[in-house]
C-alpha atoms as a PDB file:
ATOM      1  CA  MET A   1     170.633 175.346 150.127  1.00  0.00           C
ATOM      2  CA  ASN A   2     170.257 171.622 150.666  1.00  0.00           C
ATOM      3  CA  ILE A   3     174.032 171.203 150.734  1.00  0.00           C
ATOM      4  CA  LEU A   4     174.151 173.097 154.051  1.00  0.00           C
ATOM      5  CA  TYR A   5     172.251 170.237 155.694  1.00  0.00           C
ATOM      6  CA  LEU A   6     175.185 168.025 154.769  1.00  0.00           C
ATOM      7  CA  LEU A   7     178.098 170.426 155.284  1.00  0.00           C
ATOM      8  CA  ILE A   8     177.150 171.740 158.716  1.00  0.00           C
ATOM      9  CA  PRO A   9     177.075 168.295 160.398  1.00  0.00           C
ATOM     10  CA  LEU A  10     180.241 167.284 158.548  1.00  0.00           C
ATOM     11  CA  GLY A  11     181.916 170.483 159.777  1.00  0.00           C
ATOM     12  CA  ILE A  12     180.860 169.797 163.344  1.00  0.00           C
ATOM     13  CA  ILE A  13     182.119 166.201 163.146  1.00  0.00           C
ATOM     14  CA  PHE A  14     185.421 167.380 161.625  1.00  0.00           C
ATOM     15  CA  MET A  15     185.842 169.980 164.382  1.00  0.00           C
ATOM     16  CA  ALA A  16     185.117 167.357 167.054  1.00  0.00           C
ATOM     17  CA  VAL A  17     187.766 165.034 165.605  1.00  0.00           C
ATOM     18  CA  ILE A  18     190.348 167.835 165.554  1.00  0.00           C
ATOM     19  CA  LEU A  19     189.478 168.853 169.128  1.00  0.00           C
ATOM     20  CA  ALA A  20     189.792 165.237 170.305  1.00  0.00           C
ATOM     21  CA  ALA A  21     193.190 164.910 168.604  1.00  0.00           C
ATOM     22  CA  PHE A  22     194.389 168.154 170.200  1.00  0.00           C
ATOM     23  CA  LEU A  23     193.252 167.080 173.663  1.00  0.00           C
ATOM     24  CA  TRP A  24     194.937 163.699 173.187  1.00  0.00           C
ATOM     25  CA  THR A  25     198.263 165.373 172.324  1.00  0.00           C
ATOM     26  CA  VAL A  26     198.009 167.703 175.333  1.00  0.00           C
ATOM     27  CA  ARG A  27     197.357 164.788 177.698  1.00  0.00           C
ATOM     28  CA  ALA A  28     200.168 162.762 176.105  1.00  0.00           C
ATOM     29  CA  GLY A  29     202.657 165.526 176.979  1.00  0.00           C
ATOM     30  CA  GLN A  30     203.506 166.675 173.482  1.00  0.00           C
ATOM     31  CA  TYR A  31     203.698 170.318 174.603  1.00  0.00           C
ATOM     32  CA  ASP A  32     205.399 169.870 177.998  1.00  0.00           C
ATOM     33  CA  ASP A  33     208.947 170.668 176.878  1.00  0.00           C
ATOM     34  CA  MET A  34     208.959 173.032 173.921  1.00  0.00           C
ATOM     35  CA  GLU A  35     212.622 174.160 174.199  1.00  0.00           C
ATOM     36  CA  GLY A  36     214.387 170.926 175.174  1.00  0.00           C
ATOM     37  CA  PRO A  37     214.470 169.261 171.752  1.00  0.00           C
ATOM     38  CA  ALA A  38     215.680 172.496 170.156  1.00  0.00           C
ATOM     39  CA  HIS A  39     218.623 172.681 172.581  1.00  0.00           C
ATOM     40  CA  ARG A  40     219.259 168.920 172.578  1.00  0.00           C
ATOM     41  CA  ILE A  41     220.185 168.977 168.893  1.00  0.00           C
ATOM     42  CA  LEU A  42     223.051 171.367 169.677  1.00  0.00           C
ATOM     43  CA  MET A  43     224.527 169.213 172.467  1.00  0.00           C
ATOM     44  CA  ASP A  44     227.452 166.976 171.680  1.00  0.00           C
ATOM     45  CA  ASP A  45     226.674 163.424 172.767  1.00  0.00           C
ATOM     46  CA  ASP A  46     230.185 162.153 172.074  1.00  0.00           C
ATOM     47  CA  ASP A  47     231.480 163.278 175.478  1.00  0.00           C
ATOM     48  CA  PRO A  48     230.660 160.840 178.283  1.00  0.00           C
ATOM     49  CA  ARG A  49     228.621 162.291 181.153  1.00  0.00           C
ATOM     50  CA  ILE A  50     230.869 160.689 183.789  1.00  0.00           C
ATOM     51  CA  PRO A  51     234.561 160.999 183.047  1.00  0.00           C
ATOM     52  CA  ARG A  52     236.265 157.637 182.975  1.00  0.00           C
ATOM     53  CA  ARG A  53     239.709 157.092 184.358  1.00  0.00           C
ATOM     54  CA  ASP A  54     242.019 154.922 182.407  1.00  0.00           C
ATOM     55  CA  PRO A  55     244.192 152.446 184.373  1.00  0.00           C
ATOM     56  CA  ALA A  56     247.425 154.351 183.597  1.00  0.00           C
ATOM     57  CA  SER A  57     246.209 157.544 185.218  1.00  0.00           C
ATOM     58  CA  ARG A  58     244.779 155.570 188.182  1.00  0.00           C
ATOM     59  CA  GLU A  59     248.175 153.974 188.840  1.00  0.00           C
ATOM     60  CA  GLN A  60     249.854 157.353 188.592  1.00  0.00           C
ATOM     61  CA  HIS A  61     247.274 158.799 190.997  1.00  0.00           C
ATOM     62  CA  GLU A  62     248.017 156.024 193.514  1.00  0.00           C
ATOM     63  CA  GLU A  63     251.757 156.595 193.158  1.00  0.00           C
ATOM     64  CA  ASP A  64     251.321 160.282 193.940  1.00  0.00           C
ATOM     65  CA  ARG A  65     249.782 159.418 197.323  1.00  0.00           C
END
């Protein structure tokens, strides 16, 4: 029975630490975007976002004008 006097305060302290860690992760934005990282792994990063024109095609484009 005497062990309860030790375990109950330790349980409350442990719960407070876990609650503080959870609140810290929520405020840090850990749960803001739950689907983005899952989709980002499927995207191919090899393609440039802005297509680049090589000088040969630019000269041909100017000749067409």
